[in-house]
Amino acid sequence: MHPYRMQQMIKERGQDQLVNVAQRNSVYQTLDRLVREGLARPAGTSREAGRPERTVYEVTEEGAASLRRWLLEMLPEPAREFPEFPVALAFLPMLTPTETRELLERRVEALTARADAVDGQAPPGLPRLFLIEDEYRAGMLRAEIAWLRTLISELDDGTLHWDRTLIEETLARFG
């Protein structure tokens, strides 16, 4: 497959939510690196009517073995990732509970739209095996939505609250 078609397929299948292919150049750079490392190789060229000739790539045996090793490492052991949202949560005292509630409501709306989009992108009849990453993404989105709704409810009923006095007392006590 040639890089342009790879980028198209990634976008068509919604996989651009998993890997960043906003710039076609990123696909070319990744392929160049894979070729340099012996994980992929040019397999020929193809030409469509009215289009320039394109190099088609294939995975090498070493590339398939490398992918397998990565899977054997990645699946059992959670990666150490650094998402920004928990960092924002750590700074909630900078906002009022009312501001926080409004912002979290907007986040719930955005996440709901994303989850609905993930649910709606699968072609009918596609076996679950080929949708498993979408199922995971939708599940993670829905878990965050449920957690946020609980947090919003706690902001509404006063279970979670703060004010200047609480912040100052906490800083005095815990530094």
N, C-alpha and C. Protein backbone atom coordinates (compact mmCIF):
# COMPACT_ATOMS: atom_id res chain seq x y z
N MET A 1 0.86 -1.17 0.00
CA MET A 1 0.00 0.00 0.00
C MET A 1 0.90 1.24 0.00
N HIS A 2 0.47 2.28 -0.68
CA HIS A 2 1.27 3.51 -0.72
C HIS A 2 0.84 4.46 0.39
N PRO A 3 1.73 5.39 0.79
CA PRO A 3 1.48 6.25 1.95
C PRO A 3 0.19 7.06 1.88
N TYR A 4 -0.14 7.58 0.71
CA TYR A 4 -1.36 8.39 0.61
C TYR A 4 -2.58 7.54 0.93
N ARG A 5 -2.62 6.32 0.39
CA ARG A 5 -3.76 5.42 0.66
C ARG A 5 -3.78 5.01 2.13
N MET A 6 -2.60 4.83 2.73
CA MET A 6 -2.55 4.51 4.16
C MET A 6 -3.23 5.61 4.97
N GLN A 7 -2.87 6.85 4.66
CA GLN A 7 -3.46 7.98 5.39
C GLN A 7 -4.97 8.02 5.18
N GLN A 8 -5.42 7.82 3.93
CA GLN A 8 -6.86 7.81 3.64
C GLN A 8 -7.58 6.74 4.46
N MET A 9 -7.03 5.53 4.46
CA MET A 9 -7.68 4.42 5.17
C MET A 9 -7.70 4.66 6.68
N ILE A 10 -6.62 5.22 7.20
CA ILE A 10 -6.58 5.52 8.64
C ILE A 10 -7.72 6.47 8.99
N LYS A 11 -7.91 7.49 8.16
CA LYS A 11 -8.98 8.47 8.41
C LYS A 11 -10.36 7.85 8.20
N GLU A 12 -10.52 7.10 7.10
CA GLU A 12 -11.82 6.48 6.80
C GLU A 12 -12.27 5.56 7.93
N ARG A 13 -11.34 4.88 8.55
CA ARG A 13 -11.67 3.91 9.60
C ARG A 13 -11.67 4.52 11.00
N GLY A 14 -11.48 5.85 11.07
CA GLY A 14 -11.50 6.52 12.36
C GLY A 14 -10.26 6.27 13.20
N GLN A 15 -9.24 5.69 12.59
CA GLN A 15 -8.03 5.39 13.33
C GLN A 15 -7.18 6.64 13.57
N ASP A 16 -7.57 7.75 12.97
CA ASP A 16 -6.84 9.00 13.23
C ASP A 16 -7.11 9.49 14.65
N GLN A 17 -7.99 8.81 15.37
CA GLN A 17 -8.18 9.08 16.80
C GLN A 17 -7.13 8.34 17.63
N LEU A 18 -6.46 7.36 17.00
CA LEU A 18 -5.43 6.58 17.68
C LEU A 18 -4.03 7.03 17.31
N VAL A 19 -3.84 7.39 16.06
CA VAL A 19 -2.53 7.84 15.57
C VAL A 19 -2.71 9.16 14.84
N ASN A 20 -1.75 10.03 15.00
CA ASN A 20 -1.82 11.36 14.42
C ASN A 20 -1.33 11.33 12.97
N VAL A 21 -2.27 11.45 12.05
CA VAL A 21 -1.93 11.51 10.63
C VAL A 21 -2.51 12.77 10.00
N ALA A 22 -2.64 13.81 10.80
CA ALA A 22 -3.20 15.06 10.29
C ALA A 22 -2.38 15.55 9.11
N GLN A 23 -1.09 15.38 9.18
CA GLN A 23 -0.20 15.76 8.08
C GLN A 23 0.22 14.50 7.34
N ARG A 24 0.02 14.47 6.03
CA ARG A 24 0.41 13.30 5.26
C ARG A 24 1.91 13.04 5.42
N ASN A 25 2.67 14.11 5.61
CA ASN A 25 4.11 13.97 5.78
C ASN A 25 4.47 13.05 6.94
N SER A 26 3.64 13.01 7.98
CA SER A 26 3.94 12.14 9.12
C SER A 26 3.91 10.67 8.71
N VAL A 27 3.04 10.31 7.77
CA VAL A 27 3.00 8.94 7.27
C VAL A 27 4.29 8.64 6.51
N TYR A 28 4.72 9.58 5.66
CA TYR A 28 5.96 9.39 4.90
C TYR A 28 7.17 9.28 5.84
N GLN A 29 7.23 10.13 6.85
CA GLN A 29 8.35 10.08 7.80
C GLN A 29 8.37 8.75 8.55
N THR A 30 7.21 8.29 8.95
CA THR A 30 7.14 7.00 9.65
C THR A 30 7.59 5.87 8.74
N LEU A 31 7.13 5.89 7.50
CA LEU A 31 7.55 4.84 6.55
C LEU A 31 9.05 4.90 6.30
N ASP A 32 9.61 6.11 6.15
CA ASP A 32 11.06 6.23 5.96
C ASP A 32 11.81 5.59 7.13
N ARG A 33 11.34 5.85 8.35
CA ARG A 33 11.99 5.28 9.53
C ARG A 33 11.86 3.76 9.53
N LEU A 34 10.66 3.25 9.21
CA LEU A 34 10.45 1.80 9.17
C LEU A 34 11.35 1.14 8.13
N VAL A 35 11.52 1.79 6.98
CA VAL A 35 12.39 1.25 5.94
C VAL A 35 13.84 1.27 6.42
N ARG A 36 14.28 2.39 7.00
CA ARG A 36 15.66 2.50 7.52
C ARG A 36 15.95 1.40 8.55
N GLU A 37 14.95 1.08 9.37
CA GLU A 37 15.14 0.08 10.42
C GLU A 37 14.88 -1.34 9.94
N GLY A 38 14.56 -1.50 8.66
CA GLY A 38 14.35 -2.83 8.10
C GLY A 38 13.02 -3.46 8.46
N LEU A 39 12.06 -2.64 8.90
CA LEU A 39 10.76 -3.16 9.33
C LEU A 39 9.73 -3.13 8.20
N ALA A 40 10.02 -2.35 7.16
CA ALA A 40 9.17 -2.29 5.96
C ALA A 40 10.11 -2.11 4.77
N ARG A 41 9.58 -2.38 3.58
CA ARG A 41 10.40 -2.20 2.37
C ARG A 41 9.49 -1.86 1.20
N PRO A 42 10.05 -1.16 0.21
CA PRO A 42 9.28 -0.92 -1.00
C PRO A 42 8.99 -2.26 -1.68
N ALA A 43 7.77 -2.42 -2.16
CA ALA A 43 7.38 -3.68 -2.79
C ALA A 43 7.03 -3.49 -4.26
N GLY A 44 7.23 -2.29 -4.76
CA GLY A 44 6.91 -2.01 -6.15
C GLY A 44 6.27 -0.64 -6.28
N THR A 45 5.68 -0.42 -7.43
CA THR A 45 5.01 0.86 -7.67
C THR A 45 3.63 0.59 -8.25
N SER A 46 2.78 1.59 -8.14
CA SER A 46 1.45 1.50 -8.75
C SER A 46 1.12 2.86 -9.33
N ARG A 47 0.21 2.86 -10.27
CA ARG A 47 -0.22 4.12 -10.87
C ARG A 47 -1.71 4.03 -11.17
N GLU A 48 -2.43 5.04 -10.71
CA GLU A 48 -3.85 5.15 -11.03
C GLU A 48 -3.98 6.21 -12.12
N ALA A 49 -5.05 6.12 -12.89
CA ALA A 49 -5.26 7.06 -13.99
C ALA A 49 -5.21 8.50 -13.48
N GLY A 50 -4.40 9.31 -14.13
CA GLY A 50 -4.31 10.72 -13.77
C GLY A 50 -3.53 10.99 -12.50
N ARG A 51 -2.86 9.98 -11.97
CA ARG A 51 -2.11 10.13 -10.73
C ARG A 51 -0.63 9.81 -10.99
N PRO A 52 0.25 10.38 -10.18
CA PRO A 52 1.66 10.02 -10.34
C PRO A 52 1.92 8.60 -9.84
N GLU A 53 3.03 8.06 -10.27
CA GLU A 53 3.43 6.73 -9.80
C GLU A 53 3.70 6.79 -8.30
N ARG A 54 3.28 5.74 -7.60
CA ARG A 54 3.44 5.69 -6.15
C ARG A 54 4.16 4.42 -5.74
N THR A 55 5.02 4.58 -4.74
CA THR A 55 5.72 3.42 -4.18
C THR A 55 4.78 2.71 -3.21
N VAL A 56 4.71 1.40 -3.36
CA VAL A 56 3.89 0.55 -2.49
C VAL A 56 4.85 -0.13 -1.51
N TYR A 57 4.46 -0.19 -0.24
CA TYR A 57 5.31 -0.76 0.80
C TYR A 57 4.69 -2.02 1.38
N GLU A 58 5.55 -2.86 1.94
CA GLU A 58 5.10 -4.06 2.64
C GLU A 58 5.92 -4.23 3.91
N VAL A 59 5.36 -4.98 4.84
CA VAL A 59 6.03 -5.26 6.11
C VAL A 59 7.04 -6.38 5.87
N THR A 60 8.23 -6.23 6.44
CA THR A 60 9.25 -7.29 6.35
C THR A 60 9.01 -8.33 7.45
N GLU A 61 9.73 -9.45 7.36
CA GLU A 61 9.64 -10.45 8.43
C GLU A 61 10.07 -9.83 9.75
N GLU A 62 11.14 -9.03 9.73
CA GLU A 62 11.61 -8.37 10.95
C GLU A 62 10.55 -7.39 11.45
N GLY A 63 9.84 -6.73 10.54
CA GLY A 63 8.77 -5.81 10.93
C GLY A 63 7.64 -6.55 11.64
N ALA A 64 7.26 -7.70 11.09
CA ALA A 64 6.20 -8.50 11.73
C ALA A 64 6.67 -9.00 13.09
N ALA A 65 7.93 -9.42 13.19
CA ALA A 65 8.46 -9.90 14.48
C ALA A 65 8.53 -8.75 15.49
N SER A 66 8.91 -7.57 15.01
CA SER A 66 8.99 -6.40 15.90
C SER A 66 7.60 -6.02 16.41
N LEU A 67 6.61 -6.07 15.54
CA LEU A 67 5.23 -5.78 15.95
C LEU A 67 4.77 -6.79 17.00
N ARG A 68 5.09 -8.05 16.76
CA ARG A 68 4.70 -9.09 17.72
C ARG A 68 5.35 -8.84 19.09
N ARG A 69 6.66 -8.51 19.09
CA ARG A 69 7.34 -8.22 20.37
C ARG A 69 6.67 -7.04 21.07
N TRP A 70 6.34 -6.00 20.32
CA TRP A 70 5.69 -4.82 20.89
C TRP A 70 4.35 -5.20 21.52
N LEU A 71 3.56 -6.00 20.80
CA LEU A 71 2.27 -6.44 21.33
C LEU A 71 2.44 -7.24 22.62
N LEU A 72 3.42 -8.13 22.65
CA LEU A 72 3.66 -8.94 23.84
C LEU A 72 4.09 -8.09 25.04
N GLU A 73 4.70 -6.94 24.78
CA GLU A 73 5.07 -6.01 25.85
C GLU A 73 3.91 -5.09 26.22
N MET A 74 3.20 -4.59 25.23
CA MET A 74 2.18 -3.56 25.44
C MET A 74 0.91 -4.10 26.08
N LEU A 75 0.44 -5.24 25.65
CA LEU A 75 -0.85 -5.73 26.13
C LEU A 75 -0.87 -6.04 27.63
N PRO A 76 0.15 -6.69 28.20
CA PRO A 76 0.03 -7.00 29.63
C PRO A 76 0.42 -5.87 30.57
N GLU A 77 1.22 -4.93 30.12
CA GLU A 77 1.78 -3.91 31.01
C GLU A 77 1.31 -2.51 30.60
N PRO A 78 0.53 -1.84 31.44
CA PRO A 78 0.08 -0.48 31.08
C PRO A 78 1.26 0.46 30.84
N ALA A 79 1.17 1.22 29.77
CA ALA A 79 2.21 2.20 29.46
C ALA A 79 2.09 3.39 30.40
N ARG A 80 3.17 4.02 30.66
CA ARG A 80 3.16 5.23 31.47
C ARG A 80 2.87 6.39 30.53
N GLU A 81 1.65 6.88 30.61
CA GLU A 81 1.21 7.96 29.73
C GLU A 81 0.97 9.21 30.56
N PHE A 82 0.99 10.34 29.91
CA PHE A 82 0.87 11.61 30.61
C PHE A 82 -0.26 12.46 30.03
N PRO A 83 -1.51 12.06 30.25
CA PRO A 83 -2.63 12.87 29.73
C PRO A 83 -2.74 14.20 30.48
N GLU A 84 -3.23 15.21 29.79
CA GLU A 84 -3.32 16.55 30.36
C GLU A 84 -4.51 16.74 31.30
N PHE A 85 -5.59 16.02 31.08
CA PHE A 85 -6.80 16.25 31.87
C PHE A 85 -6.58 16.09 33.37
N PRO A 86 -5.90 15.03 33.84
CA PRO A 86 -5.67 14.94 35.29
C PRO A 86 -4.85 16.11 35.84
N VAL A 87 -3.98 16.67 35.02
CA VAL A 87 -3.23 17.84 35.45
C VAL A 87 -4.18 19.01 35.65
N ALA A 88 -5.12 19.19 34.73
CA ALA A 88 -6.12 20.26 34.87
C ALA A 88 -6.95 20.04 36.14
N LEU A 89 -7.30 18.79 36.43
CA LEU A 89 -8.07 18.51 37.65
C LEU A 89 -7.30 18.91 38.90
N ALA A 90 -5.99 18.75 38.86
CA ALA A 90 -5.17 19.12 40.02
C ALA A 90 -5.23 20.61 40.32
N PHE A 91 -5.62 21.40 39.32
CA PHE A 91 -5.67 22.85 39.50
C PHE A 91 -7.10 23.39 39.65
N LEU A 92 -8.05 22.53 39.96
CA LEU A 92 -9.43 22.99 40.16
C LEU A 92 -9.55 24.11 41.18
N PRO A 93 -8.73 24.16 42.24
CA PRO A 93 -8.87 25.26 43.19
C PRO A 93 -8.68 26.65 42.56
N MET A 94 -8.14 26.72 41.36
CA MET A 94 -7.99 28.00 40.68
C MET A 94 -9.32 28.52 40.15
N LEU A 95 -10.31 27.64 40.06
CA LEU A 95 -11.64 27.99 39.55
C LEU A 95 -12.65 27.92 40.69
N THR A 96 -13.81 28.47 40.45
CA THR A 96 -14.90 28.30 41.41
C THR A 96 -15.61 26.98 41.10
N PRO A 97 -16.33 26.43 42.07
CA PRO A 97 -17.12 25.23 41.78
C PRO A 97 -18.11 25.46 40.63
N THR A 98 -18.69 26.65 40.55
CA THR A 98 -19.65 26.95 39.47
C THR A 98 -18.96 26.91 38.11
N GLU A 99 -17.79 27.55 38.00
CA GLU A 99 -17.04 27.52 36.74
C GLU A 99 -16.67 26.09 36.38
N THR A 100 -16.21 25.36 37.38
CA THR A 100 -15.80 23.97 37.16
C THR A 100 -16.96 23.15 36.63
N ARG A 101 -18.12 23.29 37.24
CA ARG A 101 -19.30 22.55 36.81
C ARG A 101 -19.62 22.84 35.35
N GLU A 102 -19.63 24.12 34.98
CA GLU A 102 -19.94 24.51 33.59
C GLU A 102 -18.94 23.90 32.61
N LEU A 103 -17.67 23.96 32.96
CA LEU A 103 -16.64 23.42 32.08
C LEU A 103 -16.74 21.90 31.96
N LEU A 104 -17.03 21.24 33.06
CA LEU A 104 -17.16 19.78 33.03
C LEU A 104 -18.40 19.35 32.25
N GLU A 105 -19.47 20.12 32.33
CA GLU A 105 -20.67 19.84 31.51
C GLU A 105 -20.31 19.90 30.03
N ARG A 106 -19.52 20.88 29.65
CA ARG A 106 -19.10 21.00 28.24
C ARG A 106 -18.23 19.81 27.85
N ARG A 107 -17.39 19.37 28.77
CA ARG A 107 -16.55 18.20 28.49
C ARG A 107 -17.42 16.96 28.29
N VAL A 108 -18.44 16.79 29.12
CA VAL A 108 -19.35 15.65 28.97
C VAL A 108 -19.99 15.68 27.59
N GLU A 109 -20.44 16.85 27.15
CA GLU A 109 -21.05 16.98 25.82
C GLU A 109 -20.06 16.58 24.72
N ALA A 110 -18.83 17.07 24.83
CA ALA A 110 -17.81 16.75 23.82
C ALA A 110 -17.48 15.26 23.82
N LEU A 111 -17.33 14.68 25.00
CA LEU A 111 -17.01 13.25 25.08
C LEU A 111 -18.16 12.39 24.59
N THR A 112 -19.38 12.81 24.87
CA THR A 112 -20.55 12.07 24.39
C THR A 112 -20.58 12.08 22.86
N ALA A 113 -20.29 13.23 22.27
CA ALA A 113 -20.24 13.32 20.80
C ALA A 113 -19.15 12.40 20.25
N ARG A 114 -18.01 12.36 20.90
CA ARG A 114 -16.93 11.47 20.44
C ARG A 114 -17.33 10.01 20.55
N ALA A 115 -17.92 9.64 21.68
CA ALA A 115 -18.33 8.24 21.88
C ALA A 115 -19.38 7.85 20.85
N ASP A 116 -20.32 8.74 20.58
CA ASP A 116 -21.35 8.46 19.57
C ASP A 116 -20.72 8.31 18.19
N ALA A 117 -19.71 9.13 17.89
CA ALA A 117 -19.03 9.04 16.60
C ALA A 117 -18.29 7.71 16.48
N VAL A 118 -17.65 7.28 17.53
CA VAL A 118 -16.95 5.99 17.52
C VAL A 118 -17.96 4.87 17.29
N ASP A 119 -19.07 4.93 17.99
CA ASP A 119 -20.11 3.90 17.84
C ASP A 119 -20.67 3.86 16.43
N GLY A 120 -20.75 5.01 15.78
CA GLY A 120 -21.39 5.09 14.48
C GLY A 120 -20.49 4.88 13.29
N GLN A 121 -19.20 4.68 13.49
CA GLN A 121 -18.30 4.63 12.34
C GLN A 121 -18.06 3.23 11.78
N ALA A 122 -18.43 2.20 12.50
CA ALA A 122 -18.14 0.84 12.05
C ALA A 122 -19.07 0.43 10.92
N PRO A 123 -18.51 -0.15 9.87
CA PRO A 123 -19.36 -0.67 8.80
C PRO A 123 -20.17 -1.87 9.30
N PRO A 124 -21.42 -1.99 8.90
CA PRO A 124 -22.24 -3.12 9.34
C PRO A 124 -21.59 -4.46 8.95
N GLY A 125 -21.63 -5.40 9.87
CA GLY A 125 -21.12 -6.74 9.58
C GLY A 125 -19.64 -6.94 9.85
N LEU A 126 -18.93 -5.87 10.19
CA LEU A 126 -17.50 -6.02 10.47
C LEU A 126 -17.33 -6.82 11.77
N PRO A 127 -16.56 -7.91 11.75
CA PRO A 127 -16.40 -8.72 12.96
C PRO A 127 -15.82 -7.90 14.13
N ARG A 128 -16.22 -8.26 15.33
CA ARG A 128 -15.82 -7.54 16.54
C ARG A 128 -14.30 -7.43 16.67
N LEU A 129 -13.57 -8.47 16.26
CA LEU A 129 -12.12 -8.45 16.35
C LEU A 129 -11.53 -7.20 15.72
N PHE A 130 -12.15 -6.73 14.64
CA PHE A 130 -11.63 -5.57 13.91
C PHE A 130 -12.19 -4.26 14.43
N LEU A 131 -12.99 -4.35 15.47
CA LEU A 131 -13.57 -3.15 16.10
C LEU A 131 -13.13 -3.01 17.56
N ILE A 132 -12.26 -3.89 18.01
CA ILE A 132 -11.96 -3.97 19.43
C ILE A 132 -11.34 -2.68 19.96
N GLU A 133 -10.50 -2.02 19.17
CA GLU A 133 -9.92 -0.76 19.65
C GLU A 133 -10.97 0.34 19.73
N ASP A 134 -11.96 0.30 18.83
CA ASP A 134 -13.06 1.26 18.92
C ASP A 134 -13.93 0.98 20.15
N GLU A 135 -14.15 -0.30 20.41
CA GLU A 135 -14.92 -0.69 21.59
C GLU A 135 -14.21 -0.20 22.86
N TYR A 136 -12.89 -0.34 22.88
CA TYR A 136 -12.10 0.14 24.02
C TYR A 136 -12.23 1.66 24.15
N ARG A 137 -12.03 2.37 23.05
CA ARG A 137 -12.12 3.84 23.10
C ARG A 137 -13.49 4.29 23.58
N ALA A 138 -14.55 3.68 23.04
CA ALA A 138 -15.90 4.06 23.46
C ALA A 138 -16.11 3.74 24.94
N GLY A 139 -15.60 2.60 25.39
CA GLY A 139 -15.72 2.24 26.80
C GLY A 139 -15.00 3.22 27.71
N MET A 140 -13.81 3.63 27.31
CA MET A 140 -13.05 4.59 28.10
C MET A 140 -13.75 5.95 28.12
N LEU A 141 -14.29 6.35 26.98
CA LEU A 141 -15.03 7.62 26.93
C LEU A 141 -16.25 7.56 27.84
N ARG A 142 -16.99 6.46 27.77
CA ARG A 142 -18.20 6.34 28.60
C ARG A 142 -17.86 6.26 30.09
N ALA A 143 -16.74 5.64 30.42
CA ALA A 143 -16.31 5.61 31.83
C ALA A 143 -15.98 7.02 32.32
N GLU A 144 -15.30 7.80 31.49
CA GLU A 144 -15.01 9.18 31.88
C GLU A 144 -16.29 10.00 31.99
N ILE A 145 -17.21 9.79 31.07
CA ILE A 145 -18.50 10.51 31.12
C ILE A 145 -19.22 10.18 32.43
N ALA A 146 -19.27 8.91 32.80
CA ALA A 146 -19.94 8.50 34.04
C ALA A 146 -19.26 9.14 35.25
N TRP A 147 -17.93 9.13 35.26
CA TRP A 147 -17.19 9.73 36.38
C TRP A 147 -17.46 11.23 36.45
N LEU A 148 -17.45 11.89 35.30
CA LEU A 148 -17.71 13.33 35.27
C LEU A 148 -19.13 13.65 35.75
N ARG A 149 -20.09 12.83 35.36
CA ARG A 149 -21.47 13.07 35.80
C ARG A 149 -21.59 12.95 37.32
N THR A 150 -20.86 12.00 37.90
CA THR A 150 -20.84 11.88 39.36
C THR A 150 -20.22 13.12 39.98
N LEU A 151 -19.12 13.58 39.42
CA LEU A 151 -18.45 14.78 39.93
C LEU A 151 -19.37 16.00 39.82
N ILE A 152 -20.05 16.13 38.70
CA ILE A 152 -20.98 17.25 38.51
C ILE A 152 -22.11 17.18 39.53
N SER A 153 -22.61 15.98 39.76
CA SER A 153 -23.66 15.79 40.76
C SER A 153 -23.17 16.21 42.15
N GLU A 154 -21.94 15.86 42.47
CA GLU A 154 -21.36 16.25 43.76
C GLU A 154 -21.16 17.76 43.86
N LEU A 155 -20.84 18.39 42.76
CA LEU A 155 -20.76 19.86 42.75
C LEU A 155 -22.16 20.45 42.96
N ASP A 156 -23.16 19.83 42.34
CA ASP A 156 -24.54 20.32 42.47
C ASP A 156 -25.06 20.20 43.90
N ASP A 157 -24.80 19.05 44.54
CA ASP A 157 -25.38 18.85 45.88
C ASP A 157 -24.46 19.32 47.01
N GLY A 158 -23.30 19.85 46.65
CA GLY A 158 -22.40 20.41 47.67
C GLY A 158 -21.47 19.40 48.31
N THR A 159 -21.55 18.13 47.90
CA THR A 159 -20.64 17.12 48.44
C THR A 159 -19.19 17.50 48.13
N LEU A 160 -18.97 18.04 46.95
CA LEU A 160 -17.66 18.56 46.58
C LEU A 160 -17.80 20.07 46.48
N HIS A 161 -17.04 20.75 47.30
CA HIS A 161 -17.09 22.22 47.29
C HIS A 161 -15.76 22.76 47.80
N TRP A 162 -15.49 23.99 47.50
CA TRP A 162 -14.32 24.67 48.03
C TRP A 162 -14.55 26.17 47.94
N ASP A 163 -13.81 26.84 48.76
CA ASP A 163 -13.82 28.30 48.75
C ASP A 163 -12.43 28.75 49.19
N ARG A 164 -12.23 30.01 49.22
CA ARG A 164 -10.93 30.58 49.56
C ARG A 164 -10.45 30.10 50.94
N THR A 165 -11.36 30.05 51.91
CA THR A 165 -11.01 29.63 53.26
C THR A 165 -10.47 28.20 53.26
N LEU A 166 -11.19 27.29 52.60
CA LEU A 166 -10.74 25.89 52.53
C LEU A 166 -9.36 25.80 51.89
N ILE A 167 -9.16 26.54 50.82
CA ILE A 167 -7.87 26.50 50.12
C ILE A 167 -6.75 27.01 51.03
N GLU A 168 -6.98 28.13 51.69
CA GLU A 168 -5.96 28.69 52.58
C GLU A 168 -5.67 27.77 53.76
N GLU A 169 -6.71 27.19 54.35
CA GLU A 169 -6.51 26.26 55.47
C GLU A 169 -5.74 25.02 55.02
N THR A 170 -6.06 24.53 53.85
CA THR A 170 -5.38 23.34 53.32
C THR A 170 -3.91 23.65 53.05
N LEU A 171 -3.63 24.80 52.46
CA LEU A 171 -2.24 25.19 52.20
C LEU A 171 -1.47 25.36 53.51
N ALA A 172 -2.10 25.94 54.51
CA ALA A 172 -1.44 26.13 55.80
C ALA A 172 -1.13 24.79 56.46
N ARG A 173 -2.03 23.85 56.31
CA ARG A 173 -1.86 22.55 56.98
C ARG A 173 -0.93 21.61 56.22
N PHE A 174 -1.06 21.58 54.89
CA PHE A 174 -0.32 20.59 54.09
C PHE A 174 0.79 21.19 53.24
N GLY A 175 0.87 22.53 53.23
CA GLY A 175 1.94 23.21 52.50
C GLY A 175 1.69 23.24 51.06
